[in-house]
Amino acid sequence: MQKVTYGNGLPAYEIGEKSLPALIVIQEYWGVNELIKEVATLFSKDGFRCFVPDLYKGKIGLDVEEAAHLMNALDFKNAVEELKQAVDYLKSTGAAKVGAVGFCMGGALSFCAAQHCGVAAAAPFYGTPHSTLCEVEKITVPIEAHFGDLDTITGFSDVATAKVLEEKMKLAGAPATFYYYEKSGHSFFNAVTSQAAEYFAKYGYPYPDPDEIALARQRVVEFFKKKLA
């Protein structure tokens, strides 16, 4: 994985051949830490060129308080503009199509990328955007969204909030599929990494069911292989 700059001198990390279908991998509220880099590396092994924009410009939240502070200080409208610059960079350097996958805060931004940034498809995980940033009913590219039934972050990534979003998109005829994982909670996709045991023990999220994690990964890889072909 290489550190690169794109757009207006913005920092990011990149891995994979430039001619491959490109995935923008959008960070959780922790920042671009080793965990999100490992997720991007795993997706690269599935046949994608992966690009991780550093929306915090090098800052990383080492605990919940720091991460919340960094997220609350983020200019989200500017972050969406930076994601658009990421799409432009990837297309100008060899990628025929670009998708977006994101987690937690990055999940919400994945919806935004689908409406505003020119991606061909998006897979948001356990995050929903504020309506001032994204009108999900206006999204016209394919969405595959993933939420855990045990997620307790009310108003952001709990099942009730996700289902409101799903219904809004369904009524608008938006091309969206929502998946719910009965035995998994917030941040469940982090279970694919080598840091899984430490992560879930430290932050107290329920440890996900291995079969559900395997299914989520299979679904998202197949989704992007089809939509970015």
C-alpha atoms as a PDB file:
ATOM      1  CA  MET A   1       0.000   0.000   0.000  1.00  0.00           C
ATOM      2  CA  GLN A   2       1.374   3.384  -1.041  1.00  0.00           C
ATOM      3  CA  LYS A   3       0.755   6.850   0.294  1.00  0.00           C
ATOM      4  CA  VAL A   4      -0.353   9.156  -2.528  1.00  0.00           C
ATOM      5  CA  THR A   5      -1.836  12.586  -3.079  1.00  0.00           C
ATOM      6  CA  TYR A   6      -4.805  13.399  -5.295  1.00  0.00           C
ATOM      7  CA  GLY A   7      -6.995  16.320  -6.231  1.00  0.00           C
ATOM      8  CA  ASN A   8      -5.913  19.482  -4.438  1.00  0.00           C
ATOM      9  CA  GLY A   9      -2.908  17.813  -2.812  1.00  0.00           C
ATOM     10  CA  LEU A  10      -5.095  15.599  -0.616  1.00  0.00           C
ATOM     11  CA  PRO A  11      -3.607  12.581   1.217  1.00  0.00           C
ATOM     12  CA  ALA A  12      -4.670   8.995   0.592  1.00  0.00           C
ATOM     13  CA  TYR A  13      -3.463   5.393   0.446  1.00  0.00           C
ATOM     14  CA  GLU A  14      -3.680   3.179  -2.619  1.00  0.00           C
ATOM     15  CA  ILE A  15      -3.162  -0.481  -3.422  1.00  0.00           C
ATOM     16  CA  GLY A  16      -3.773  -2.539  -6.582  1.00  0.00           C
ATOM     17  CA  GLU A  17      -3.227  -2.325 -10.315  1.00  0.00           C
ATOM     18  CA  LYS A  18      -4.468   0.917 -11.837  1.00  0.00           C
ATOM     19  CA  SER A  19      -6.442  -0.817 -14.574  1.00  0.00           C
ATOM     20  CA  LEU A  20      -8.594  -2.783 -12.106  1.00  0.00           C
ATOM     21  CA  PRO A  21     -12.099  -1.696 -11.083  1.00  0.00           C
ATOM     22  CA  ALA A  22     -11.579   0.849  -8.329  1.00  0.00           C
ATOM     23  CA  LEU A  23     -13.037   0.928  -4.837  1.00  0.00           C
ATOM     24  CA  ILE A  24     -12.929   3.974  -2.598  1.00  0.00           C
ATOM     25  CA  VAL A  25     -12.742   2.558   0.936  1.00  0.00           C
ATOM     26  CA  ILE A  26     -14.095   5.175   3.340  1.00  0.00           C
ATOM     27  CA  GLN A  27     -12.869   5.259   6.926  1.00  0.00           C
ATOM     28  CA  GLU A  28     -14.769   4.806  10.168  1.00  0.00           C
ATOM     29  CA  TYR A  29     -14.727   7.685  12.620  1.00  0.00           C
ATOM     30  CA  TRP A  30     -11.372   6.504  13.959  1.00  0.00           C
ATOM     31  CA  GLY A  31      -9.585   7.822  10.865  1.00  0.00           C
ATOM     32  CA  VAL A  32      -7.279   6.027   8.450  1.00  0.00           C
ATOM     33  CA  ASN A  33      -5.823   3.573  10.942  1.00  0.00           C
ATOM     34  CA  GLU A  34      -4.221   0.182  10.347  1.00  0.00           C
ATOM     35  CA  LEU A  35      -7.592  -1.527  10.547  1.00  0.00           C
ATOM     36  CA  ILE A  36      -9.159   0.308   7.586  1.00  0.00           C
ATOM     37  CA  LYS A  37      -5.926  -0.151   5.635  1.00  0.00           C
ATOM     38  CA  GLU A  38      -6.175  -3.895   6.248  1.00  0.00           C
ATOM     39  CA  VAL A  39      -9.788  -3.915   5.023  1.00  0.00           C
ATOM     40  CA  ALA A  40      -8.652  -2.150   1.832  1.00  0.00           C
ATOM     41  CA  THR A  41      -5.817  -4.638   1.404  1.00  0.00           C
ATOM     42  CA  LEU A  42      -8.264  -7.531   1.697  1.00  0.00           C
ATOM     43  CA  PHE A  43     -10.506  -6.006  -0.972  1.00  0.00           C
ATOM     44  CA  SER A  44      -7.473  -5.556  -3.208  1.00  0.00           C
ATOM     45  CA  LYS A  45      -6.855  -9.301  -2.957  1.00  0.00           C
ATOM     46  CA  ASP A  46     -10.390  -9.791  -4.274  1.00  0.00           C
ATOM     47  CA  GLY A  47      -9.399  -8.023  -7.492  1.00  0.00           C
ATOM     48  CA  PHE A  48      -9.944  -4.321  -6.897  1.00  0.00           C
ATOM     49  CA  ARG A  49      -7.776  -1.231  -6.956  1.00  0.00           C
ATOM     50  CA  CYS A  50      -8.442   0.220  -3.509  1.00  0.00           C
ATOM     51  CA  PHE A  51      -8.149   3.855  -2.559  1.00  0.00           C
ATOM     52  CA  VAL A  52      -8.428   5.150   1.011  1.00  0.00           C
ATOM     53  CA  PRO A  53      -8.863   8.949   1.245  1.00  0.00           C
ATOM     54  CA  ASP A  54      -7.528  10.356   4.511  1.00  0.00           C
ATOM     55  CA  LEU A  55     -10.391  12.664   5.449  1.00  0.00           C
ATOM     56  CA  TYR A  56      -8.738  13.582   8.781  1.00  0.00           C
ATOM     57  CA  LYS A  57      -5.404  14.489   7.122  1.00  0.00           C
ATOM     58  CA  GLY A  58      -3.262  12.203   9.256  1.00  0.00           C
ATOM     59  CA  LYS A  59      -5.144  12.471  12.532  1.00  0.00           C
ATOM     60  CA  ILE A  60      -6.326   9.268  14.180  1.00  0.00           C
ATOM     61  CA  GLY A  61      -8.700   8.809  17.103  1.00  0.00           C
ATOM     62  CA  LEU A  62      -7.088   6.430  19.585  1.00  0.00           C
ATOM     63  CA  ASP A  63     -10.160   6.274  21.808  1.00  0.00           C
ATOM     64  CA  VAL A  64     -13.881   6.936  21.489  1.00  0.00           C
ATOM     65  CA  GLU A  65     -13.605  10.522  22.731  1.00  0.00           C
ATOM     66  CA  GLU A  66     -10.869  11.435  20.245  1.00  0.00           C
ATOM     67  CA  ALA A  67     -12.675   9.766  17.364  1.00  0.00           C
ATOM     68  CA  ALA A  68     -15.947  11.529  18.190  1.00  0.00           C
ATOM     69  CA  HIS A  69     -14.128  14.855  18.367  1.00  0.00           C
ATOM     70  CA  LEU A  70     -12.497  14.311  14.969  1.00  0.00           C
ATOM     71  CA  MET A  71     -15.784  13.295  13.358  1.00  0.00           C
ATOM     72  CA  ASN A  72     -17.694  16.219  14.864  1.00  0.00           C
ATOM     73  CA  ALA A  73     -15.014  18.614  13.598  1.00  0.00           C
ATOM     74  CA  LEU A  74     -15.130  17.236  10.058  1.00  0.00           C
ATOM     75  CA  ASP A  75     -16.617  19.449   7.355  1.00  0.00           C
ATOM     76  CA  PHE A  76     -18.837  16.807   5.777  1.00  0.00           C
ATOM     77  CA  LYS A  77     -19.731  18.839   2.696  1.00  0.00           C
ATOM     78  CA  ASN A  78     -16.037  19.280   2.032  1.00  0.00           C
ATOM     79  CA  ALA A  79     -15.489  15.562   2.655  1.00  0.00           C
ATOM     80  CA  VAL A  80     -18.039  14.776  -0.055  1.00  0.00           C
ATOM     81  CA  GLU A  81     -16.158  17.102  -2.415  1.00  0.00           C
ATOM     82  CA  GLU A  82     -12.931  15.256  -1.581  1.00  0.00           C
ATOM     83  CA  LEU A  83     -14.619  11.955  -2.436  1.00  0.00           C
ATOM     84  CA  LYS A  84     -15.596  13.426  -5.792  1.00  0.00           C
ATOM     85  CA  GLN A  85     -11.962  14.381  -6.345  1.00  0.00           C
ATOM     86  CA  ALA A  86     -11.026  10.788  -5.488  1.00  0.00           C
ATOM     87  CA  VAL A  87     -13.387   9.473  -8.172  1.00  0.00           C
ATOM     88  CA  ASP A  88     -11.930  11.897 -10.713  1.00  0.00           C
ATOM     89  CA  TYR A  89      -8.384  10.869  -9.767  1.00  0.00           C
ATOM     90  CA  LEU A  90      -9.112   7.157 -10.110  1.00  0.00           C
ATOM     91  CA  LYS A  91     -10.815   7.594 -13.488  1.00  0.00           C
ATOM     92  CA  SER A  92      -7.991   9.788 -14.778  1.00  0.00           C
ATOM     93  CA  THR A  93      -5.378   7.202 -13.777  1.00  0.00           C
ATOM     94  CA  GLY A  94      -6.812   4.075 -15.345  1.00  0.00           C
ATOM     95  CA  ALA A  95     -10.004   2.963 -13.590  1.00  0.00           C
ATOM     96  CA  ALA A  96     -12.954   2.560 -15.949  1.00  0.00           C
ATOM     97  CA  LYS A  97     -15.461   2.431 -13.091  1.00  0.00           C
ATOM     98  CA  VAL A  98     -15.333   3.407  -9.422  1.00  0.00           C
ATOM     99  CA  GLY A  99     -17.352   2.120  -6.480  1.00  0.00           C
ATOM    100  CA  ALA A 100     -17.529   3.265  -2.865  1.00  0.00           C
ATOM    101  CA  VAL A 101     -17.642   1.139   0.256  1.00  0.00           C
ATOM    102  CA  GLY A 102     -17.606   2.667   3.713  1.00  0.00           C
ATOM    103  CA  PHE A 103     -18.090   1.816   7.331  1.00  0.00           C
ATOM    104  CA  CYS A 104     -19.812   3.723  10.169  1.00  0.00           C
ATOM    105  CA  MET A 105     -19.105   7.379   9.277  1.00  0.00           C
ATOM    106  CA  GLY A 106     -17.831   6.052   5.961  1.00  0.00           C
ATOM    107  CA  GLY A 107     -21.079   4.172   5.460  1.00  0.00           C
ATOM    108  CA  ALA A 108     -22.995   7.434   5.638  1.00  0.00           C
ATOM    109  CA  LEU A 109     -20.518   9.026   3.235  1.00  0.00           C
ATOM    110  CA  SER A 110     -20.938   6.107   0.820  1.00  0.00           C
ATOM    111  CA  PHE A 111     -24.569   7.115   0.351  1.00  0.00           C
ATOM    112  CA  CYS A 112     -23.357  10.668  -0.307  1.00  0.00           C
ATOM    113  CA  ALA A 113     -20.842   9.414  -2.859  1.00  0.00           C
ATOM    114  CA  ALA A 114     -23.638   7.551  -4.632  1.00  0.00           C
ATOM    115  CA  GLN A 115     -25.674  10.730  -5.050  1.00  0.00           C
ATOM    116  CA  HIS A 116     -22.995  13.354  -5.581  1.00  0.00           C
ATOM    117  CA  CYS A 117     -19.623  11.915  -6.616  1.00  0.00           C
ATOM    118  CA  GLY A 118     -20.023   9.887  -9.792  1.00  0.00           C
ATOM    119  CA  VAL A 119     -19.489   6.376  -8.435  1.00  0.00           C
ATOM    120  CA  ALA A 120     -21.062   3.482 -10.341  1.00  0.00           C
ATOM    121  CA  ALA A 121     -22.218   1.659  -7.185  1.00  0.00           C
ATOM    122  CA  ALA A 122     -21.929   1.900  -3.408  1.00  0.00           C
ATOM    123  CA  ALA A 123     -22.017  -0.465  -0.443  1.00  0.00           C
ATOM    124  CA  PRO A 124     -22.632   1.407   2.823  1.00  0.00           C
ATOM    125  CA  PHE A 125     -22.071  -0.474   6.068  1.00  0.00           C
ATOM    126  CA  TYR A 126     -23.881   0.569   9.282  1.00  0.00           C
ATOM    127  CA  GLY A 127     -24.179   4.284   8.657  1.00  0.00           C
ATOM    128  CA  THR A 128     -26.903   6.627   7.374  1.00  0.00           C
ATOM    129  CA  PRO A 129     -26.434  10.177   6.086  1.00  0.00           C
ATOM    130  CA  HIS A 130     -28.129  13.340   7.278  1.00  0.00           C
ATOM    131  CA  SER A 131     -30.732  14.514   4.778  1.00  0.00           C
ATOM    132  CA  THR A 132     -28.877  17.823   4.322  1.00  0.00           C
ATOM    133  CA  LEU A 133     -25.941  15.870   2.858  1.00  0.00           C
ATOM    134  CA  CYS A 134     -27.750  13.205   0.883  1.00  0.00           C
ATOM    135  CA  GLU A 135     -31.297  12.739  -0.351  1.00  0.00           C
ATOM    136  CA  VAL A 136     -31.237   8.972  -0.647  1.00  0.00           C
ATOM    137  CA  GLU A 137     -34.435   8.891  -2.663  1.00  0.00           C
ATOM    138  CA  LYS A 138     -32.570  10.682  -5.475  1.00  0.00           C
ATOM    139  CA  ILE A 139     -29.812   8.064  -5.745  1.00  0.00           C
ATOM    140  CA  THR A 140     -29.826   6.409  -9.176  1.00  0.00           C
ATOM    141  CA  VAL A 141     -26.839   4.025  -8.940  1.00  0.00           C
ATOM    142  CA  PRO A 142     -27.018   0.560  -7.324  1.00  0.00           C
ATOM    143  CA  ILE A 143     -26.778   0.422  -3.533  1.00  0.00           C
ATOM    144  CA  GLU A 144     -26.085  -2.628  -1.393  1.00  0.00           C
ATOM    145  CA  ALA A 145     -26.422  -1.659   2.275  1.00  0.00           C
ATOM    146  CA  HIS A 146     -25.454  -3.782   5.281  1.00  0.00           C
ATOM    147  CA  PHE A 147     -26.677  -3.377   8.868  1.00  0.00           C
ATOM    148  CA  GLY A 148     -26.487  -5.482  12.033  1.00  0.00           C
ATOM    149  CA  ASP A 149     -29.621  -6.314  13.992  1.00  0.00           C
ATOM    150  CA  LEU A 150     -27.692  -5.847  17.254  1.00  0.00           C
ATOM    151  CA  ASP A 151     -26.525  -2.323  16.364  1.00  0.00           C
ATOM    152  CA  THR A 152     -27.571   0.058  19.164  1.00  0.00           C
ATOM    153  CA  ILE A 153     -26.483   3.426  17.712  1.00  0.00           C
ATOM    154  CA  THR A 154     -29.973   4.891  17.577  1.00  0.00           C
ATOM    155  CA  GLY A 155     -30.711   7.329  14.803  1.00  0.00           C
ATOM    156  CA  PHE A 156     -27.609   6.425  12.817  1.00  0.00           C
ATOM    157  CA  SER A 157     -27.101   2.723  12.238  1.00  0.00           C
ATOM    158  CA  ASP A 158     -29.747   0.837  14.214  1.00  0.00           C
ATOM    159  CA  VAL A 159     -32.188  -1.322  12.262  1.00  0.00           C
ATOM    160  CA  ALA A 160     -35.141   1.043  12.715  1.00  0.00           C
ATOM    161  CA  THR A 161     -33.206   3.938  11.183  1.00  0.00           C
ATOM    162  CA  ALA A 162     -31.945   1.747   8.344  1.00  0.00           C
ATOM    163  CA  LYS A 163     -35.450   0.525   7.554  1.00  0.00           C
ATOM    164  CA  VAL A 164     -36.768   4.091   7.315  1.00  0.00           C
ATOM    165  CA  LEU A 165     -34.045   4.779   4.767  1.00  0.00           C
ATOM    166  CA  GLU A 166     -34.770   1.542   2.937  1.00  0.00           C
ATOM    167  CA  GLU A 167     -38.468   2.358   2.678  1.00  0.00           C
ATOM    168  CA  LYS A 168     -37.751   5.874   1.431  1.00  0.00           C
ATOM    169  CA  MET A 169     -35.518   4.479  -1.314  1.00  0.00           C
ATOM    170  CA  LYS A 170     -37.996   1.737  -2.164  1.00  0.00           C
ATOM    171  CA  LEU A 171     -40.853   4.222  -2.590  1.00  0.00           C
ATOM    172  CA  ALA A 172     -38.656   6.348  -4.862  1.00  0.00           C
ATOM    173  CA  GLY A 173     -37.700   3.354  -6.985  1.00  0.00           C
ATOM    174  CA  ALA A 174     -34.017   3.718  -6.088  1.00  0.00           C
ATOM    175  CA  PRO A 175     -31.946   0.616  -6.975  1.00  0.00           C
ATOM    176  CA  ALA A 176     -31.146  -0.439  -3.409  1.00  0.00           C
ATOM    177  CA  THR A 177     -30.867  -3.742  -1.561  1.00  0.00           C
ATOM    178  CA  PHE A 178     -30.588  -3.758   2.230  1.00  0.00           C
ATOM    179  CA  TYR A 179     -29.212  -6.733   4.160  1.00  0.00           C
ATOM    180  CA  TYR A 180     -29.626  -7.248   7.905  1.00  0.00           C
ATOM    181  CA  TYR A 181     -27.468  -9.566   9.990  1.00  0.00           C
ATOM    182  CA  GLU A 182     -29.278 -11.130  12.918  1.00  0.00           C
ATOM    183  CA  LYS A 183     -26.262 -11.931  15.113  1.00  0.00           C
ATOM    184  CA  SER A 184     -24.084  -8.904  14.335  1.00  0.00           C
ATOM    185  CA  GLY A 185     -23.856  -5.365  15.686  1.00  0.00           C
ATOM    186  CA  HIS A 186     -22.020  -2.157  14.902  1.00  0.00           C
ATOM    187  CA  SER A 187     -18.635  -2.378  13.137  1.00  0.00           C
ATOM    188  CA  PHE A 188     -19.194  -6.062  12.400  1.00  0.00           C
ATOM    189  CA  PHE A 189     -17.148  -6.059   9.172  1.00  0.00           C
ATOM    190  CA  ASN A 190     -14.007  -5.401  11.214  1.00  0.00           C
ATOM    191  CA  ALA A 191     -14.164  -9.096  12.053  1.00  0.00           C
ATOM    192  CA  VAL A 192     -12.503  -9.808   8.691  1.00  0.00           C
ATOM    193  CA  THR A 193      -9.243  -8.299   9.981  1.00  0.00           C
ATOM    194  CA  SER A 194      -6.399  -9.742  12.026  1.00  0.00           C
ATOM    195  CA  GLN A 195      -7.247  -7.209  14.761  1.00  0.00           C
ATOM    196  CA  ALA A 196     -10.796  -8.488  15.271  1.00  0.00           C
ATOM    197  CA  ALA A 197     -10.481 -10.072  18.730  1.00  0.00           C
ATOM    198  CA  GLU A 198      -8.706  -7.037  20.184  1.00  0.00           C
ATOM    199  CA  TYR A 199     -11.087  -4.588  18.526  1.00  0.00           C
ATOM    200  CA  PHE A 200     -14.352  -6.118  19.733  1.00  0.00           C
ATOM    201  CA  ALA A 201     -13.010  -6.715  23.239  1.00  0.00           C
ATOM    202  CA  LYS A 202     -11.798  -3.124  23.525  1.00  0.00           C
ATOM    203  CA  TYR A 203     -14.923  -1.370  22.289  1.00  0.00           C
ATOM    204  CA  GLY A 204     -17.599  -3.711  23.570  1.00  0.00           C
ATOM    205  CA  TYR A 205     -19.449  -4.335  20.312  1.00  0.00           C
ATOM    206  CA  PRO A 206     -20.929  -7.849  20.061  1.00  0.00           C
ATOM    207  CA  TYR A 207     -18.555 -10.239  18.332  1.00  0.00           C
ATOM    208  CA  PRO A 208     -20.182 -11.044  14.982  1.00  0.00           C
ATOM    209  CA  ASP A 209     -21.215 -14.459  13.799  1.00  0.00           C
ATOM    210  CA  PRO A 210     -18.469 -15.832  11.497  1.00  0.00           C
ATOM    211  CA  ASP A 211     -20.978 -17.142   8.961  1.00  0.00           C
ATOM    212  CA  GLU A 212     -22.619 -13.722   8.735  1.00  0.00           C
ATOM    213  CA  ILE A 213     -19.260 -12.031   8.212  1.00  0.00           C
ATOM    214  CA  ALA A 214     -18.355 -14.470   5.451  1.00  0.00           C
ATOM    215  CA  LEU A 215     -21.746 -13.857   3.831  1.00  0.00           C
ATOM    216  CA  ALA A 216     -21.403 -10.061   4.032  1.00  0.00           C
ATOM    217  CA  ARG A 217     -17.960 -10.195   2.451  1.00  0.00           C
ATOM    218  CA  GLN A 218     -19.144 -12.547  -0.287  1.00  0.00           C
ATOM    219  CA  ARG A 219     -22.122 -10.329  -1.039  1.00  0.00           C
ATOM    220  CA  VAL A 220     -20.159  -7.092  -1.270  1.00  0.00           C
ATOM    221  CA  VAL A 221     -17.395  -8.591  -3.429  1.00  0.00           C
ATOM    222  CA  GLU A 222     -19.910 -10.138  -5.829  1.00  0.00           C
ATOM    223  CA  PHE A 223     -21.871  -6.886  -5.918  1.00  0.00           C
ATOM    224  CA  PHE A 224     -18.862  -4.826  -6.967  1.00  0.00           C
ATOM    225  CA  LYS A 225     -17.549  -7.433  -9.406  1.00  0.00           C
ATOM    226  CA  LYS A 226     -20.903  -7.235 -11.176  1.00  0.00           C
ATOM    227  CA  LYS A 227     -21.539  -3.495 -10.972  1.00  0.00           C
ATOM    228  CA  LEU A 228     -17.997  -2.380 -11.783  1.00  0.00           C
ATOM    229  CA  ALA A 229     -17.419  -4.837 -14.636  1.00  0.00           C
END
